[in-house]
All heavy atoms as atom14 arrays in JSON, in Angstrom:
{
  "sequence": "EKFVAEAERVLKLNGTLAIFGYTGFGHFVDHPQCDAIFRDFGVGPTKL",
  "atom14_mask": [
    [1, 1, 1, 1, 1, 1, 1, 1, 1, 0, 0, 0, 0, 0],
    [1, 1, 1, 1, 1, 1, 1, 1, 1, 0, 0, 0, 0, 0],
    [1, 1, 1, 1, 1, 1, 1, 1, 1, 1, 1, 0, 0, 0],
    [1, 1, 1, 1, 1, 1, 1, 0, 0, 0, 0, 0, 0, 0],
    [1, 1, 1, 1, 1, 0, 0, 0, 0, 0, 0, 0, 0, 0],
    [1, 1, 1, 1, 1, 1, 1, 1, 1, 0, 0, 0, 0, 0],
    [1, 1, 1, 1, 1, 0, 0, 0, 0, 0, 0, 0, 0, 0],
    [1, 1, 1, 1, 1, 1, 1, 1, 1, 0, 0, 0, 0, 0],
    [1, 1, 1, 1, 1, 1, 1, 1, 1, 1, 1, 0, 0, 0],
    [1, 1, 1, 1, 1, 1, 1, 0, 0, 0, 0, 0, 0, 0],
    [1, 1, 1, 1, 1, 1, 1, 1, 0, 0, 0, 0, 0, 0],
    [1, 1, 1, 1, 1, 1, 1, 1, 1, 0, 0, 0, 0, 0],
    [1, 1, 1, 1, 1, 1, 1, 1, 0, 0, 0, 0, 0, 0],
    [1, 1, 1, 1, 1, 1, 1, 1, 0, 0, 0, 0, 0, 0],
    [1, 1, 1, 1, 0, 0, 0, 0, 0, 0, 0, 0, 0, 0],
    [1, 1, 1, 1, 1, 1, 1, 0, 0, 0, 0, 0, 0, 0],
    [1, 1, 1, 1, 1, 1, 1, 1, 0, 0, 0, 0, 0, 0],
    [1, 1, 1, 1, 1, 0, 0, 0, 0, 0, 0, 0, 0, 0],
    [1, 1, 1, 1, 1, 1, 1, 1, 0, 0, 0, 0, 0, 0],
    [1, 1, 1, 1, 1, 1, 1, 1, 1, 1, 1, 0, 0, 0],
    [1, 1, 1, 1, 0, 0, 0, 0, 0, 0, 0, 0, 0, 0],
    [1, 1, 1, 1, 1, 1, 1, 1, 1, 1, 1, 1, 0, 0],
    [1, 1, 1, 1, 1, 1, 1, 0, 0, 0, 0, 0, 0, 0],
    [1, 1, 1, 1, 0, 0, 0, 0, 0, 0, 0, 0, 0, 0],
    [1, 1, 1, 1, 1, 1, 1, 1, 1, 1, 1, 0, 0, 0],
    [1, 1, 1, 1, 0, 0, 0, 0, 0, 0, 0, 0, 0, 0],
    [1, 1, 1, 1, 1, 1, 1, 1, 1, 1, 0, 0, 0, 0],
    [1, 1, 1, 1, 1, 1, 1, 1, 1, 1, 1, 0, 0, 0],
    [1, 1, 1, 1, 1, 1, 1, 0, 0, 0, 0, 0, 0, 0],
    [1, 1, 1, 1, 1, 1, 1, 1, 0, 0, 0, 0, 0, 0],
    [1, 1, 1, 1, 1, 1, 1, 1, 1, 1, 0, 0, 0, 0],
    [1, 1, 1, 1, 1, 1, 1, 0, 0, 0, 0, 0, 0, 0],
    [1, 1, 1, 1, 1, 1, 1, 1, 1, 0, 0, 0, 0, 0],
    [1, 1, 1, 1, 1, 1, 0, 0, 0, 0, 0, 0, 0, 0],
    [1, 1, 1, 1, 1, 1, 1, 1, 0, 0, 0, 0, 0, 0],
    [1, 1, 1, 1, 1, 0, 0, 0, 0, 0, 0, 0, 0, 0],
    [1, 1, 1, 1, 1, 1, 1, 1, 0, 0, 0, 0, 0, 0],
    [1, 1, 1, 1, 1, 1, 1, 1, 1, 1, 1, 0, 0, 0],
    [1, 1, 1, 1, 1, 1, 1, 1, 1, 1, 1, 0, 0, 0],
    [1, 1, 1, 1, 1, 1, 1, 1, 0, 0, 0, 0, 0, 0],
    [1, 1, 1, 1, 1, 1, 1, 1, 1, 1, 1, 0, 0, 0],
    [1, 1, 1, 1, 0, 0, 0, 0, 0, 0, 0, 0, 0, 0],
    [1, 1, 1, 1, 1, 1, 1, 0, 0, 0, 0, 0, 0, 0],
    [1, 1, 1, 1, 0, 0, 0, 0, 0, 0, 0, 0, 0, 0],
    [1, 1, 1, 1, 1, 1, 1, 0, 0, 0, 0, 0, 0, 0],
    [1, 1, 1, 1, 1, 1, 1, 0, 0, 0, 0, 0, 0, 0],
    [1, 1, 1, 1, 1, 1, 1, 1, 1, 0, 0, 0, 0, 0],
    [1, 1, 1, 1, 1, 1, 1, 1, 0, 0, 0, 0, 0, 0]
  ],
  "atom14_positions": [
    [[-23.05, -42.95, -104.27], [-22.46, -41.56, -104.68], [-23.01, -40.54, -103.7], [-22.25, -39.71, -103.15], [-22.99, -41.29, -106.18], [-22.39, -40.04, -106.6], [-22.77, -39.82, -108.12], [-22.61, -40.82, -108.98], [-23.2, -38.82, -108.47], [0.0, 0.0, 0.0], [0.0, 0.0, 0.0], [0.0, 0.0, 0.0], [0.0, 0.0, 0.0], [0.0, 0.0, 0.0]],
    [[-24.24, -40.6, -103.29], [-24.87, -39.77, -102.35], [-24.17, -39.9, -100.96], [-23.94, -38.95, -100.26], [-26.42, -39.8, -102.33], [-27.01, -39.31, -103.53], [-28.6, -39.41, -103.4], [-29.19, -38.93, -104.56], [-30.64, -39.15, -104.62], [0.0, 0.0, 0.0], [0.0, 0.0, 0.0], [0.0, 0.0, 0.0], [0.0, 0.0, 0.0], [0.0, 0.0, 0.0]],
    [[-24.08, -41.23, -100.63], [-23.48, -41.5, -99.26], [-21.9, -40.93, -99.1], [-21.67, -40.27, -98.16], [-23.48, -42.95, -99.02], [-22.68, -43.2, -97.67], [-23.13, -42.86, -96.45], [-21.51, -44.02, -97.84], [-22.37, -43.09, -95.3], [-20.7, -44.18, -96.76], [-21.03, -43.83, -95.44], [0.0, 0.0, 0.0], [0.0, 0.0, 0.0], [0.0, 0.0, 0.0]],
    [[-21.16, -41.2, -100.13], [-19.77, -40.72, -100.1], [-19.76, -39.2, -100.08], [-19.0, -38.59, -99.32], [-19.08, -41.26, -101.3], [-17.63, -40.6, -101.43], [-18.79, -42.84, -101.16], [0.0, 0.0, 0.0], [0.0, 0.0, 0.0], [0.0, 0.0, 0.0], [0.0, 0.0, 0.0], [0.0, 0.0, 0.0], [0.0, 0.0, 0.0], [0.0, 0.0, 0.0]],
    [[-20.55, -38.45, -100.75], [-20.61, -37.04, -100.73], [-21.04, -36.63, -99.28], [-20.46, -35.57, -98.74], [-21.64, -36.61, -101.7], [0.0, 0.0, 0.0], [0.0, 0.0, 0.0], [0.0, 0.0, 0.0], [0.0, 0.0, 0.0], [0.0, 0.0, 0.0], [0.0, 0.0, 0.0], [0.0, 0.0, 0.0], [0.0, 0.0, 0.0], [0.0, 0.0, 0.0]],
    [[-21.92, -37.28, -98.77], [-22.44, -36.86, -97.43], [-21.34, -37.07, -96.36], [-21.08, -36.5, -95.39], [-23.73, -37.66, -97.04], [-24.31, -37.19, -95.66], [-24.78, -35.75, -95.69], [-24.57, -34.95, -96.58], [-25.5, -35.41, -94.73], [0.0, 0.0, 0.0], [0.0, 0.0, 0.0], [0.0, 0.0, 0.0], [0.0, 0.0, 0.0], [0.0, 0.0, 0.0]],
    [[-20.55, -38.37, -96.49], [-19.5, -38.68, -95.55], [-18.41, -37.58, -95.78], [-17.82, -37.1, -94.72], [-18.91, -40.08, -95.93], [0.0, 0.0, 0.0], [0.0, 0.0, 0.0], [0.0, 0.0, 0.0], [0.0, 0.0, 0.0], [0.0, 0.0, 0.0], [0.0, 0.0, 0.0], [0.0, 0.0, 0.0], [0.0, 0.0, 0.0], [0.0, 0.0, 0.0]],
    [[-18.07, -37.17, -96.9], [-17.05, -36.1, -97.12], [-17.59, -34.8, -96.46], [-16.7, -34.11, -96.04], [-16.84, -35.87, -98.54], [-16.13, -36.91, -99.32], [-15.99, -36.77, -100.81], [-16.67, -35.82, -101.43], [-15.13, -37.51, -101.45], [0.0, 0.0, 0.0], [0.0, 0.0, 0.0], [0.0, 0.0, 0.0], [0.0, 0.0, 0.0], [0.0, 0.0, 0.0]],
    [[-18.7, -34.52, -96.48], [-19.26, -33.28, -95.85], [-19.13, -33.34, -94.37], [-18.72, -32.37, -93.76], [-20.81, -33.22, -96.15], [-21.34, -31.84, -95.5], [-22.87, -31.84, -95.8], [-23.7, -32.65, -94.87], [-23.92, -32.41, -93.66], [-23.72, -31.27, -93.11], [-24.61, -33.36, -92.99], [0.0, 0.0, 0.0], [0.0, 0.0, 0.0], [0.0, 0.0, 0.0]],
    [[-19.37, -34.5, -93.58], [-19.3, -34.48, -92.12], [-17.97, -34.87, -91.59], [-17.87, -34.67, -90.47], [-20.5, -35.38, -91.62], [-21.85, -34.94, -92.17], [-20.32, -36.71, -92.0], [0.0, 0.0, 0.0], [0.0, 0.0, 0.0], [0.0, 0.0, 0.0], [0.0, 0.0, 0.0], [0.0, 0.0, 0.0], [0.0, 0.0, 0.0], [0.0, 0.0, 0.0]],
    [[-17.22, -35.55, -92.35], [-15.89, -36.0, -91.93], [-15.01, -34.79, -91.65], [-14.9, -33.84, -92.42], [-15.18, -36.96, -92.71], [-15.69, -38.43, -92.58], [-15.02, -39.25, -93.7], [-15.22, -39.04, -91.31], [0.0, 0.0, 0.0], [0.0, 0.0, 0.0], [0.0, 0.0, 0.0], [0.0, 0.0, 0.0], [0.0, 0.0, 0.0], [0.0, 0.0, 0.0]],
    [[-14.31, -34.78, -90.57], [-13.17, -33.88, -90.34], [-12.05, -34.03, -91.42], [-11.89, -35.08, -91.94], [-12.47, -34.13, -89.0], [-13.35, -33.73, -87.78], [-12.71, -33.89, -86.44], [-13.59, -33.64, -85.34], [-12.96, -33.9, -84.04], [0.0, 0.0, 0.0], [0.0, 0.0, 0.0], [0.0, 0.0, 0.0], [0.0, 0.0, 0.0], [0.0, 0.0, 0.0]],
    [[-11.19, -33.1, -91.52], [-10.01, -33.16, -92.45], [-9.24, -34.42, -92.07], [-8.82, -34.55, -90.83], [-9.19, -31.96, -92.37], [-7.9, -31.85, -93.29], [-8.36, -31.94, -94.77], [-7.08, -30.67, -92.99], [0.0, 0.0, 0.0], [0.0, 0.0, 0.0], [0.0, 0.0, 0.0], [0.0, 0.0, 0.0], [0.0, 0.0, 0.0], [0.0, 0.0, 0.0]],
    [[-8.91, -35.28, -92.88], [-8.17, -36.6, -92.62], [-9.03, -37.5, -91.78], [-8.47, -38.43, -91.03], [-6.81, -36.34, -92.09], [-5.97, -35.65, -92.93], [-5.93, -35.84, -94.1], [-5.23, -34.6, -92.43], [0.0, 0.0, 0.0], [0.0, 0.0, 0.0], [0.0, 0.0, 0.0], [0.0, 0.0, 0.0], [0.0, 0.0, 0.0], [0.0, 0.0, 0.0]],
    [[-10.4, -37.34, -91.66], [-11.14, -38.26, -91.03], [-11.14, -39.68, -91.69], [-10.59, -39.74, -92.81], [0.0, 0.0, 0.0], [0.0, 0.0, 0.0], [0.0, 0.0, 0.0], [0.0, 0.0, 0.0], [0.0, 0.0, 0.0], [0.0, 0.0, 0.0], [0.0, 0.0, 0.0], [0.0, 0.0, 0.0], [0.0, 0.0, 0.0], [0.0, 0.0, 0.0]],
    [[-11.69, -40.73, -91.01], [-11.64, -42.02, -91.62], [-13.03, -42.58, -91.92], [-13.96, -42.38, -90.97], [-10.97, -42.97, -90.48], [-9.64, -42.54, -90.43], [-10.99, -44.46, -91.09], [0.0, 0.0, 0.0], [0.0, 0.0, 0.0], [0.0, 0.0, 0.0], [0.0, 0.0, 0.0], [0.0, 0.0, 0.0], [0.0, 0.0, 0.0], [0.0, 0.0, 0.0]],
    [[-13.16, -43.05, -93.13], [-14.38, -43.78, -93.44], [-14.03, -45.22, -93.6], [-13.13, -45.63, -94.43], [-15.03, -43.32, -94.79], [-16.14, -44.14, -95.44], [-17.3, -44.12, -94.62], [-16.51, -43.48, -96.76], [0.0, 0.0, 0.0], [0.0, 0.0, 0.0], [0.0, 0.0, 0.0], [0.0, 0.0, 0.0], [0.0, 0.0, 0.0], [0.0, 0.0, 0.0]],
    [[-14.65, -46.1, -92.81], [-14.35, -47.58, -92.85], [-15.57, -48.3, -93.2], [-16.48, -48.35, -92.46], [-13.87, -48.05, -91.47], [0.0, 0.0, 0.0], [0.0, 0.0, 0.0], [0.0, 0.0, 0.0], [0.0, 0.0, 0.0], [0.0, 0.0, 0.0], [0.0, 0.0, 0.0], [0.0, 0.0, 0.0], [0.0, 0.0, 0.0], [0.0, 0.0, 0.0]],
    [[-15.58, -48.96, -94.35], [-16.69, -49.72, -94.85], [-16.25, -51.18, -94.88], [-15.08, -51.46, -95.54], [-17.22, -49.28, -96.27], [-17.69, -47.86, -96.21], [-18.22, -50.27, -96.81], [-17.98, -47.32, -97.62], [0.0, 0.0, 0.0], [0.0, 0.0, 0.0], [0.0, 0.0, 0.0], [0.0, 0.0, 0.0], [0.0, 0.0, 0.0], [0.0, 0.0, 0.0]],
    [[-16.83, -52.03, -94.18], [-16.47, -53.37, -94.09], [-17.61, -54.35, -93.94], [-18.78, -53.91, -93.7], [-15.45, -53.58, -92.98], [-15.93, -53.07, -91.76], [-16.55, -53.91, -90.81], [-15.8, -51.9, -91.41], [-17.06, -53.51, -89.62], [-16.29, -51.32, -90.09], [-16.91, -52.12, -89.2], [0.0, 0.0, 0.0], [0.0, 0.0, 0.0], [0.0, 0.0, 0.0]],
    [[-17.48, -55.55, -94.13], [-18.46, -56.52, -93.89], [-17.98, -58.0, -93.86], [-16.7, -58.18, -93.97], [0.0, 0.0, 0.0], [0.0, 0.0, 0.0], [0.0, 0.0, 0.0], [0.0, 0.0, 0.0], [0.0, 0.0, 0.0], [0.0, 0.0, 0.0], [0.0, 0.0, 0.0], [0.0, 0.0, 0.0], [0.0, 0.0, 0.0], [0.0, 0.0, 0.0]],
    [[-18.84, -58.81, -93.65], [-18.49, -60.3, -93.88], [-19.41, -60.95, -94.85], [-20.51, -60.44, -95.04], [-18.6, -61.0, -92.46], [-19.98, -60.77, -91.92], [-21.08, -61.48, -92.29], [-20.13, -59.85, -90.85], [-22.29, -61.27, -91.66], [-21.35, -59.53, -90.22], [-22.58, -60.31, -90.72], [-23.63, -60.06, -90.22], [0.0, 0.0, 0.0], [0.0, 0.0, 0.0]],
    [[-18.9, -61.76, -95.6], [-19.7, -62.37, -96.55], [-20.07, -63.8, -96.08], [-21.19, -64.07, -95.71], [-19.28, -62.44, -98.08], [-18.03, -63.16, -98.07], [-19.08, -61.1, -98.58], [0.0, 0.0, 0.0], [0.0, 0.0, 0.0], [0.0, 0.0, 0.0], [0.0, 0.0, 0.0], [0.0, 0.0, 0.0], [0.0, 0.0, 0.0], [0.0, 0.0, 0.0]],
    [[-19.1, -64.67, -96.08], [-19.25, -65.96, -95.62], [-20.26, -66.71, -96.44], [-20.65, -67.86, -96.24], [0.0, 0.0, 0.0], [0.0, 0.0, 0.0], [0.0, 0.0, 0.0], [0.0, 0.0, 0.0], [0.0, 0.0, 0.0], [0.0, 0.0, 0.0], [0.0, 0.0, 0.0], [0.0, 0.0, 0.0], [0.0, 0.0, 0.0], [0.0, 0.0, 0.0]],
    [[-20.88, -65.94, -97.45], [-21.89, -66.6, -98.15], [-21.3, -67.37, -99.38], [-20.75, -66.88, -100.31], [-22.7, -65.4, -98.82], [-23.85, -65.88, -99.59], [-25.07, -66.25, -98.78], [-23.96, -65.95, -100.92], [-26.22, -66.59, -99.44], [-25.08, -66.37, -101.63], [-26.12, -66.67, -100.92], [0.0, 0.0, 0.0], [0.0, 0.0, 0.0], [0.0, 0.0, 0.0]],
    [[-21.38, -68.73, -99.36], [-20.9, -69.54, -100.34], [-19.29, -69.66, -100.39], [-18.76, -69.58, -101.39], [0.0, 0.0, 0.0], [0.0, 0.0, 0.0], [0.0, 0.0, 0.0], [0.0, 0.0, 0.0], [0.0, 0.0, 0.0], [0.0, 0.0, 0.0], [0.0, 0.0, 0.0], [0.0, 0.0, 0.0], [0.0, 0.0, 0.0], [0.0, 0.0, 0.0]],
    [[-18.82, -69.76, -99.24], [-17.37, -69.91, -99.06], [-17.03, -71.15, -98.31], [-17.25, -71.24, -97.18], [-16.68, -68.73, -98.42], [-15.16, -68.81, -98.41], [-14.46, -68.66, -99.48], [-14.4, -68.88, -97.39], [-13.26, -68.83, -99.18], [-13.1, -68.93, -97.78], [0.0, 0.0, 0.0], [0.0, 0.0, 0.0], [0.0, 0.0, 0.0], [0.0, 0.0, 0.0]],
    [[-16.37, -72.15, -99.09], [-16.06, -73.4, -98.47], [-14.57, -73.45, -98.51], [-13.94, -73.75, -99.65], [-16.67, -74.54, -99.25], [-18.3, -74.52, -99.24], [-18.96, -73.71, -100.14], [-19.0, -75.17, -98.36], [-20.29, -73.71, -100.15], [-20.32, -75.12, -98.21], [-20.97, -74.32, -99.23], [0.0, 0.0, 0.0], [0.0, 0.0, 0.0], [0.0, 0.0, 0.0]],
    [[-13.92, -73.27, -97.42], [-12.43, -73.13, -97.33], [-11.73, -74.35, -98.08], [-10.9, -74.09, -98.76], [-11.99, -73.01, -95.95], [-10.46, -73.02, -95.91], [-12.51, -71.77, -95.27], [0.0, 0.0, 0.0], [0.0, 0.0, 0.0], [0.0, 0.0, 0.0], [0.0, 0.0, 0.0], [0.0, 0.0, 0.0], [0.0, 0.0, 0.0], [0.0, 0.0, 0.0]],
    [[-12.12, -75.55, -97.71], [-11.46, -76.67, -98.24], [-12.09, -77.17, -99.64], [-11.5, -78.2, -100.12], [-11.37, -77.78, -97.23], [-10.52, -77.38, -96.03], [-9.62, -76.56, -96.22], [-10.99, -77.72, -94.93], [0.0, 0.0, 0.0], [0.0, 0.0, 0.0], [0.0, 0.0, 0.0], [0.0, 0.0, 0.0], [0.0, 0.0, 0.0], [0.0, 0.0, 0.0]],
    [[-13.13, -76.6, -100.1], [-13.73, -77.09, -101.2], [-14.11, -75.95, -102.21], [-15.32, -75.65, -102.29], [-15.01, -77.78, -100.8], [-14.62, -78.97, -99.93], [-14.13, -80.27, -100.31], [-14.79, -79.09, -98.6], [-13.9, -81.1, -99.29], [-14.3, -80.32, -98.13], [0.0, 0.0, 0.0], [0.0, 0.0, 0.0], [0.0, 0.0, 0.0], [0.0, 0.0, 0.0]],
    [[-13.14, -75.26, -102.89], [-13.51, -74.25, -103.8], [-14.39, -74.6, -104.93], [-15.13, -73.78, -105.34], [-12.07, -73.89, -104.35], [-11.2, -75.06, -104.12], [-11.79, -75.79, -102.99], [0.0, 0.0, 0.0], [0.0, 0.0, 0.0], [0.0, 0.0, 0.0], [0.0, 0.0, 0.0], [0.0, 0.0, 0.0], [0.0, 0.0, 0.0], [0.0, 0.0, 0.0]],
    [[-14.53, -75.76, -105.32], [-15.44, -76.2, -106.28], [-17.01, -76.05, -105.85], [-17.79, -75.66, -106.54], [-15.29, -77.58, -106.89], [-15.66, -78.72, -105.83], [-14.62, -79.13, -104.83], [-13.71, -78.27, -104.64], [-14.71, -80.17, -104.07], [0.0, 0.0, 0.0], [0.0, 0.0, 0.0], [0.0, 0.0, 0.0], [0.0, 0.0, 0.0], [0.0, 0.0, 0.0]],
    [[-17.13, -76.1, -104.46], [-18.47, -75.98, -103.92], [-18.85, -74.38, -103.86], [-19.92, -74.0, -104.05], [-18.52, -76.45, -102.5], [-18.5, -78.26, -102.4], [0.0, 0.0, 0.0], [0.0, 0.0, 0.0], [0.0, 0.0, 0.0], [0.0, 0.0, 0.0], [0.0, 0.0, 0.0], [0.0, 0.0, 0.0], [0.0, 0.0, 0.0], [0.0, 0.0, 0.0]],
    [[-17.78, -73.55, -103.7], [-18.01, -72.11, -103.98], [-18.75, -71.71, -105.15], [-19.67, -71.03, -105.28], [-16.67, -71.38, -103.73], [-16.03, -71.19, -102.47], [-16.68, -71.76, -101.54], [-14.98, -70.64, -102.32], [0.0, 0.0, 0.0], [0.0, 0.0, 0.0], [0.0, 0.0, 0.0], [0.0, 0.0, 0.0], [0.0, 0.0, 0.0], [0.0, 0.0, 0.0]],
    [[-18.13, -72.25, -106.29], [-18.69, -71.94, -107.59], [-20.16, -72.53, -107.79], [-21.01, -71.76, -108.17], [-17.77, -72.57, -108.68], [0.0, 0.0, 0.0], [0.0, 0.0, 0.0], [0.0, 0.0, 0.0], [0.0, 0.0, 0.0], [0.0, 0.0, 0.0], [0.0, 0.0, 0.0], [0.0, 0.0, 0.0], [0.0, 0.0, 0.0], [0.0, 0.0, 0.0]],
    [[-20.41, -73.73, -107.26], [-21.76, -74.24, -107.29], [-22.72, -73.33, -106.51], [-23.72, -72.96, -107.02], [-21.74, -75.65, -106.87], [-20.96, -76.56, -107.92], [-23.09, -76.21, -106.78], [-20.7, -78.0, -107.46], [0.0, 0.0, 0.0], [0.0, 0.0, 0.0], [0.0, 0.0, 0.0], [0.0, 0.0, 0.0], [0.0, 0.0, 0.0], [0.0, 0.0, 0.0]],
    [[-22.35, -73.12, -105.28], [-23.12, -72.37, -104.33], [-23.52, -71.03, -104.89], [-24.57, -70.49, -104.79], [-22.54, -72.31, -102.87], [-23.53, -72.02, -101.77], [-24.6, -72.81, -101.5], [-23.43, -70.65, -101.33], [-25.37, -72.37, -100.5], [-24.31, -70.26, -100.36], [-25.25, -71.16, -100.0], [0.0, 0.0, 0.0], [0.0, 0.0, 0.0], [0.0, 0.0, 0.0]],
    [[-22.44, -70.34, -105.27], [-22.61, -69.07, -105.8], [-23.52, -68.89, -107.11], [-24.39, -68.05, -107.19], [-21.35, -68.33, -106.16], [-20.59, -67.84, -104.87], [-19.25, -67.24, -105.27], [-18.55, -66.91, -104.05], [-18.64, -65.73, -103.46], [-19.4, -64.71, -103.99], [-17.94, -65.4, -102.32], [0.0, 0.0, 0.0], [0.0, 0.0, 0.0], [0.0, 0.0, 0.0]],
    [[-23.42, -69.91, -107.95], [-24.11, -69.98, -109.1], [-25.61, -70.24, -108.82], [-26.55, -69.51, -109.27], [-23.77, -71.16, -110.15], [-24.6, -71.42, -111.3], [-24.95, -70.29, -111.99], [-25.09, -72.59, -111.65], [0.0, 0.0, 0.0], [0.0, 0.0, 0.0], [0.0, 0.0, 0.0], [0.0, 0.0, 0.0], [0.0, 0.0, 0.0], [0.0, 0.0, 0.0]],
    [[-25.89, -71.17, -107.84], [-27.33, -71.49, -107.43], [-27.88, -70.4, -106.43], [-28.95, -70.0, -106.66], [-27.37, -72.81, -106.65], [-28.75, -73.23, -106.3], [-29.51, -73.85, -107.34], [-29.22, -72.96, -105.08], [-30.83, -74.19, -107.06], [-30.55, -73.42, -104.87], [-31.36, -73.95, -105.84], [0.0, 0.0, 0.0], [0.0, 0.0, 0.0], [0.0, 0.0, 0.0]],
    [[-27.08, -69.89, -105.59], [-27.49, -69.03, -104.55], [-27.69, -67.59, -104.89], [-28.55, -66.84, -104.55], [0.0, 0.0, 0.0], [0.0, 0.0, 0.0], [0.0, 0.0, 0.0], [0.0, 0.0, 0.0], [0.0, 0.0, 0.0], [0.0, 0.0, 0.0], [0.0, 0.0, 0.0], [0.0, 0.0, 0.0], [0.0, 0.0, 0.0], [0.0, 0.0, 0.0]],
    [[-26.66, -67.04, -105.76], [-26.8, -65.66, -106.23], [-26.68, -65.42, -107.74], [-26.83, -64.29, -108.19], [-25.69, -64.85, -105.41], [-25.99, -64.76, -104.02], [-24.25, -65.3, -105.77], [0.0, 0.0, 0.0], [0.0, 0.0, 0.0], [0.0, 0.0, 0.0], [0.0, 0.0, 0.0], [0.0, 0.0, 0.0], [0.0, 0.0, 0.0], [0.0, 0.0, 0.0]],
    [[-26.52, -66.52, -108.4], [-26.36, -66.38, -109.85], [-27.54, -65.78, -110.63], [-28.68, -65.93, -109.98], [0.0, 0.0, 0.0], [0.0, 0.0, 0.0], [0.0, 0.0, 0.0], [0.0, 0.0, 0.0], [0.0, 0.0, 0.0], [0.0, 0.0, 0.0], [0.0, 0.0, 0.0], [0.0, 0.0, 0.0], [0.0, 0.0, 0.0], [0.0, 0.0, 0.0]],
    [[-27.41, -65.32, -111.74], [-28.61, -64.57, -112.43], [-29.51, -65.47, -112.9], [-30.72, -65.01, -113.21], [-27.82, -63.77, -113.55], [-26.59, -64.6, -113.83], [-26.14, -65.11, -112.51], [0.0, 0.0, 0.0], [0.0, 0.0, 0.0], [0.0, 0.0, 0.0], [0.0, 0.0, 0.0], [0.0, 0.0, 0.0], [0.0, 0.0, 0.0], [0.0, 0.0, 0.0]],
    [[-29.38, -66.87, -113.11], [-30.43, -67.67, -113.58], [-31.07, -68.54, -112.57], [-31.99, -69.24, -112.82], [-29.8, -68.59, -114.56], [-28.7, -69.41, -114.08], [-29.16, -67.84, -115.81], [0.0, 0.0, 0.0], [0.0, 0.0, 0.0], [0.0, 0.0, 0.0], [0.0, 0.0, 0.0], [0.0, 0.0, 0.0], [0.0, 0.0, 0.0], [0.0, 0.0, 0.0]],
    [[-30.7, -68.45, -111.36], [-31.26, -69.3, -110.31], [-31.84, -68.41, -109.16], [-32.84, -67.78, -109.56], [-30.15, -70.03, -109.58], [-29.42, -70.93, -110.69], [-29.68, -72.44, -110.84], [-29.06, -73.24, -111.91], [-28.14, -72.73, -112.81], [0.0, 0.0, 0.0], [0.0, 0.0, 0.0], [0.0, 0.0, 0.0], [0.0, 0.0, 0.0], [0.0, 0.0, 0.0]],
    [[-31.38, -68.4, -107.97], [-31.94, -67.67, -106.96], [-31.64, -66.08, -106.9], [-32.12, -65.33, -106.24], [-31.68, -68.26, -105.62], [-32.19, -69.61, -105.31], [-31.84, -70.21, -104.06], [-33.8, -69.73, -105.53], [0.0, 0.0, 0.0], [0.0, 0.0, 0.0], [0.0, 0.0, 0.0], [0.0, 0.0, 0.0], [0.0, 0.0, 0.0], [0.0, 0.0, 0.0]]
  ]
}
């Protein structure tokens, strides 16, 4: 909330805010069942 307000303050009229990233965290292209297991274990609320 504070960052977006600050971005609005400093950007020119019609300026661009680009927020992006990569996750790659727990993504197995050919094995979606592994995604679910990895996400549950790696970032799930009951494990890590």
